[in-house]
Each structure stands twice: as C-alpha cells, then as structure tokens.
Amino acid sequence: NNNDGIKVNGFSGTYNTQTSYIINNTVVDSLQDGITIGRSNVVVSGNDVSGSSSNNGVIYVSETVDNVEITNNLIHDNLASVSGTDTNYAVRIGKNPSDFPTNVIVRDNSIVNNDGLIFFAQNSQANLDALRNWWGTTDASVIAAGIVGVMDGGGNTNGSIDFSTIFTSGADTDGVTPGFQPDTSSLSVHDFGSEPAT
C-alpha cells in the first residue's frame, strides 16, 4: 500500500456528529499511516496494524477533531518513517500547530516494537488518558522515553499524558476476538503519573 491503509476524513456538518467505526481490520505494510482519523466521533477498535512507515503516525488523529476512542488494538512492528527525519509514533494525536484533537482516549492496546509510542498535541484537552496499555515493558522510564507531549504548538513538554497504570503482561486473553484483549487482572501503577520524564 503506497499511502494510508484506512482513512476516515473530510466530513463536516451533520455527518460529523454520527459515530464512525474502524473495527476488526488487519492493516499491513502501509507506506504512510496505518489508520488516519480526520473527523470527530470515531471508534478505532480491534485492529491489527503493522509495517507502517509513516511521517505522521501508525494511528494518526489529525485536524481539530473531538471524541476519538482508540482501544483494544494491536499496534506493532512499525518502522521508522520514510522521510528519515520524522518519528513514526504508534499513536499521533495532532501534528500541525493548529491541530488540537480533544476527548481522545488510548486504552487497552498492545503497543510494541514501534519507532515511537505516543505524540500528543495538547491544547484544550486537559489530559490524555493512555492508561492500561501494554507497552512491551513494565519499565516506566522506558515507556516515558517514547512519549512526547507538546503544549499549544510550542516546545516539548510531557505534562498531561497519563500512562500511570500499565499492563504487566502482553498476553491476549482471547485469541478468537480481533485485536487485543488484555489481562486486566495484571496491572502496575507507577509514580510517573501524568507527567512522563522529559
């Protein structure tokens, strides 16, 4: 695939108030984004995304959109960006100085072996809920090193990305259901809280 694997984009008006679902897909070897979300009210769940080499992100929430749920996905083995200069984040929420998505959650995913973990362009959303994901490690400092937040399009700061509760196992408890069904009995809480190290 020489472009994005799946793209939900370009809707406005009343269509933008209806919920769209990107569920139970396998997206492999996209030259750009595995999944791009450019509209509000989208559920991204049960997908298996690998082999992306995007300049944006494997799952990329673009534009100033609202209400996006990214849950129960396998996001793994995604490559460095084709540009050679950008980081291909497993989940990128906003990129341009004027794009600030709000009410986005990233929960219950397996995010393993990617170029970067999460990029979050924060403006009006006070806190990114990135709780209860499996990151391929339980070492909070390693996870923090792959997470970047920017405030108001300015310089780097890592405030307000809450990944303080993590899964301690990457085992999928249901091999039949698409995506990632985590072991919710195996959790660790660390003191990085909502402010990963810079």
Protein backbone atom coordinates (compact mmCIF):
# COMPACT_ATOMS: atom_id res chain seq x y z
CA ASN A 1 0.00 0.00 0.00
CA ASN A 2 1.64 3.24 -1.14
CA ASN A 3 -0.46 5.53 1.04
CA ASP A 4 -2.69 5.28 4.13
CA GLY A 5 -4.22 1.91 4.96
CA ILE A 6 -7.60 3.24 6.17
CA LYS A 7 -8.70 6.88 6.16
CA VAL A 8 -11.83 8.43 7.66
CA ASN A 9 -11.63 12.07 6.70
CA GLY A 10 -13.22 15.10 5.09
CA PHE A 11 -16.68 15.01 6.67
CA SER A 12 -18.39 18.08 8.06
CA GLY A 13 -21.80 19.26 9.21
CA THR A 14 -24.34 16.68 10.38
CA TYR A 15 -22.22 13.75 9.16
CA ASN A 16 -19.53 14.72 11.64
CA THR A 17 -21.94 14.15 14.55
CA GLN A 18 -22.54 10.49 13.68
CA THR A 19 -20.19 7.85 15.05
CA SER A 20 -17.89 6.05 12.61
CA TYR A 21 -16.32 2.70 13.42
CA ILE A 22 -12.96 1.37 12.25
CA ILE A 23 -13.08 -2.12 13.73
CA ASN A 24 -11.57 -5.58 13.28
CA ASN A 25 -9.21 -4.77 10.38
CA THR A 26 -5.73 -6.01 9.59
CA VAL A 27 -3.56 -3.26 8.08
CA VAL A 28 -0.10 -4.35 6.91
CA ASP A 29 2.78 -2.51 5.21
CA SER A 30 1.30 0.95 4.60
CA LEU A 31 3.85 3.39 3.25
CA GLN A 32 2.07 6.11 5.25
CA ASP A 33 -0.43 5.99 8.14
CA GLY A 34 -1.97 2.66 9.02
CA ILE A 35 -5.19 4.41 10.09
CA THR A 36 -5.94 8.15 9.72
CA ILE A 37 -8.79 9.83 11.59
CA GLY A 38 -9.72 13.29 10.32
CA ARG A 39 -13.23 13.65 11.69
CA SER A 40 -14.97 13.60 15.06
CA ASN A 41 -16.80 10.73 16.79
CA VAL A 42 -14.70 7.76 15.71
CA VAL A 43 -14.11 4.40 17.43
CA VAL A 44 -10.91 2.58 16.42
CA SER A 45 -11.00 -0.88 17.98
CA GLY A 46 -9.95 -4.47 17.38
CA ASN A 47 -7.45 -3.65 14.63
CA ASP A 48 -4.04 -5.20 13.95
CA VAL A 49 -1.69 -2.61 12.42
CA SER A 50 1.92 -3.35 11.45
CA GLY A 51 4.56 -2.40 8.89
CA SER A 52 3.66 1.30 8.60
CA SER A 53 6.49 3.71 7.77
CA SER A 54 4.52 6.95 8.13
CA ASN A 55 5.76 10.50 8.53
CA ASN A 56 2.79 11.08 10.85
CA GLY A 57 1.87 8.06 12.93
CA VAL A 58 0.64 4.49 12.68
CA ILE A 59 -2.74 5.61 14.03
CA TYR A 60 -2.92 9.34 13.29
CA VAL A 61 -5.62 11.60 14.70
CA SER A 62 -5.37 14.70 12.51
CA GLU A 63 -7.24 18.01 12.35
CA THR A 64 -9.11 19.57 15.27
CA VAL A 65 -11.50 16.69 15.92
CA ASP A 66 -13.34 15.56 19.03
CA ASN A 67 -14.29 12.27 20.68
CA VAL A 68 -11.97 9.54 19.38
CA GLU A 69 -11.56 6.17 21.13
CA ILE A 70 -8.52 4.03 20.33
CA THR A 71 -8.99 0.75 22.20
CA ASN A 72 -8.12 -2.95 22.00
CA ASN A 73 -5.77 -2.63 19.02
CA LEU A 74 -2.52 -4.44 18.25
CA ILE A 75 -0.07 -1.74 17.10
CA HIS A 76 3.24 -3.46 16.49
CA ASP A 77 6.39 -3.74 14.39
CA ASN A 78 6.02 -0.38 12.68
CA LEU A 79 9.07 1.07 11.00
CA ALA A 80 10.93 4.37 11.05
CA SER A 81 9.35 7.00 8.81
CA VAL A 82 10.18 7.06 5.12
CA SER A 83 11.31 10.70 5.48
CA GLY A 84 14.20 9.63 7.68
CA THR A 85 13.66 12.72 9.87
CA ASP A 86 10.19 12.27 11.44
CA THR A 87 9.30 9.83 14.21
CA ASN A 88 6.63 7.30 13.26
CA TYR A 89 4.64 7.27 16.51
CA ALA A 90 2.37 4.31 17.23
CA VAL A 91 -0.34 6.89 18.03
CA ARG A 92 -0.06 10.51 16.96
CA ILE A 93 -2.71 12.93 18.19
CA GLY A 94 -2.33 16.20 16.29
CA LYS A 95 0.70 17.40 14.37
CA ASN A 96 0.33 20.83 12.82
CA PRO A 97 0.40 23.92 15.10
CA SER A 98 -3.34 24.45 14.60
CA ASP A 99 -4.48 20.81 15.04
CA PHE A 100 -5.55 20.04 18.60
CA PRO A 101 -7.84 16.99 18.87
CA THR A 102 -9.90 16.76 22.07
CA ASN A 103 -11.52 13.96 24.09
CA VAL A 104 -9.20 11.26 22.78
CA ILE A 105 -8.52 8.09 24.78
CA VAL A 106 -5.89 5.42 24.12
CA ARG A 107 -6.67 2.39 26.30
CA ASP A 108 -6.32 -1.38 26.43
CA ASN A 109 -3.99 -1.58 23.41
CA SER A 110 -0.82 -3.56 22.82
CA ILE A 111 1.78 -1.05 21.58
CA VAL A 112 5.01 -2.93 20.95
CA ASN A 113 8.15 -2.54 18.81
CA ASN A 114 7.38 0.81 17.17
CA ASP A 115 9.55 3.80 16.23
CA GLY A 116 7.87 5.95 18.93
CA LEU A 117 4.95 5.43 21.30
CA ILE A 118 2.62 8.46 21.61
CA PHE A 119 2.74 12.06 20.43
CA PHE A 120 0.06 14.34 21.90
CA ALA A 121 -0.53 17.93 20.77
CA GLN A 122 -2.41 19.32 23.74
CA ASN A 123 -4.47 22.46 23.76
CA SER A 124 -7.97 22.32 25.23
CA GLN A 125 -7.87 18.65 26.28
CA ALA A 126 -6.51 18.75 29.80
CA ASN A 127 -5.23 15.20 29.97
CA LEU A 128 -4.67 12.31 27.57
CA ASP A 129 -5.97 9.04 29.00
CA ALA A 130 -3.34 6.48 27.99
CA LEU A 131 -3.99 4.16 30.91
CA ARG A 132 -3.99 0.36 30.77
CA ASN A 133 -1.89 -0.32 27.69
CA TRP A 134 0.79 -2.95 27.16
CA TRP A 135 4.00 -1.25 26.01
CA GLY A 136 6.26 -4.29 25.67
CA THR A 137 7.84 -3.49 29.05
CA THR A 138 6.85 -2.62 32.60
CA ASP A 139 9.75 -0.15 32.95
CA ALA A 140 8.02 3.23 33.24
CA SER A 141 11.18 5.15 32.32
CA VAL A 142 11.46 3.25 29.02
CA ILE A 143 7.80 3.98 28.27
CA ALA A 144 8.24 7.67 29.17
CA ALA A 145 11.14 7.96 26.73
CA GLY A 146 8.80 7.06 23.85
CA ILE A 147 6.03 9.50 24.81
CA VAL A 148 6.06 13.17 23.78
CA GLY A 149 3.60 15.93 24.54
CA VAL A 150 3.58 19.47 23.18
CA MET A 151 1.61 22.35 24.65
CA ASP A 152 -0.15 24.85 22.40
CA GLY A 153 2.09 24.04 19.43
CA GLY A 154 5.14 25.24 21.35
CA GLY A 155 8.17 23.48 22.73
CA ASN A 156 8.32 19.98 24.10
CA THR A 157 6.80 19.23 27.47
CA ASN A 158 5.48 15.92 28.72
CA GLY A 159 2.71 17.08 31.01
CA SER A 160 -0.77 15.65 30.96
CA ILE A 161 -0.23 12.24 29.36
CA ASP A 162 -1.48 9.78 31.94
CA PHE A 163 0.04 6.34 31.50
CA SER A 164 0.42 5.67 35.21
CA THR A 165 -1.42 2.33 35.12
CA ILE A 166 0.11 -0.23 32.76
CA PHE A 167 -0.48 -3.87 31.97
CA THR A 168 2.27 -6.18 33.20
CA SER A 169 1.52 -8.80 30.58
CA GLY A 170 1.09 -8.67 26.82
CA ALA A 171 -0.88 -11.91 26.74
CA ASP A 172 -4.04 -11.78 24.66
CA THR A 173 -6.75 -13.47 26.71
CA ASP A 174 -8.97 -14.23 23.70
CA GLY A 175 -7.26 -15.44 20.54
CA VAL A 176 -10.55 -15.50 18.62
CA THR A 177 -11.71 -11.90 19.12
CA PRO A 178 -9.91 -9.49 16.77
CA GLY A 179 -7.40 -7.02 18.20
CA PHE A 180 -6.02 -7.17 21.73
CA GLN A 181 -7.97 -8.49 24.73
CA PRO A 182 -5.71 -7.73 27.71
CA ASP A 183 -5.34 -9.48 31.04
CA THR A 184 -6.95 -6.80 33.22
CA SER A 185 -6.00 -8.65 36.41
CA SER A 186 -2.32 -7.89 35.87
CA LEU A 187 -1.71 -4.14 36.39
CA SER A 188 1.10 -1.98 37.69
CA VAL A 189 0.83 1.60 38.94
CA HIS A 190 3.96 3.73 38.87
CA ASP A 191 4.86 7.19 40.13
CA PHE A 192 5.37 8.84 36.76
CA GLY A 193 1.65 9.64 36.89
CA SER A 194 0.54 12.08 34.25
CA GLU A 195 3.94 13.70 33.78
CA PRO A 196 6.37 11.45 31.92
CA ALA A 197 10.03 12.40 32.18
CA THR A 198 11.38 14.80 29.55
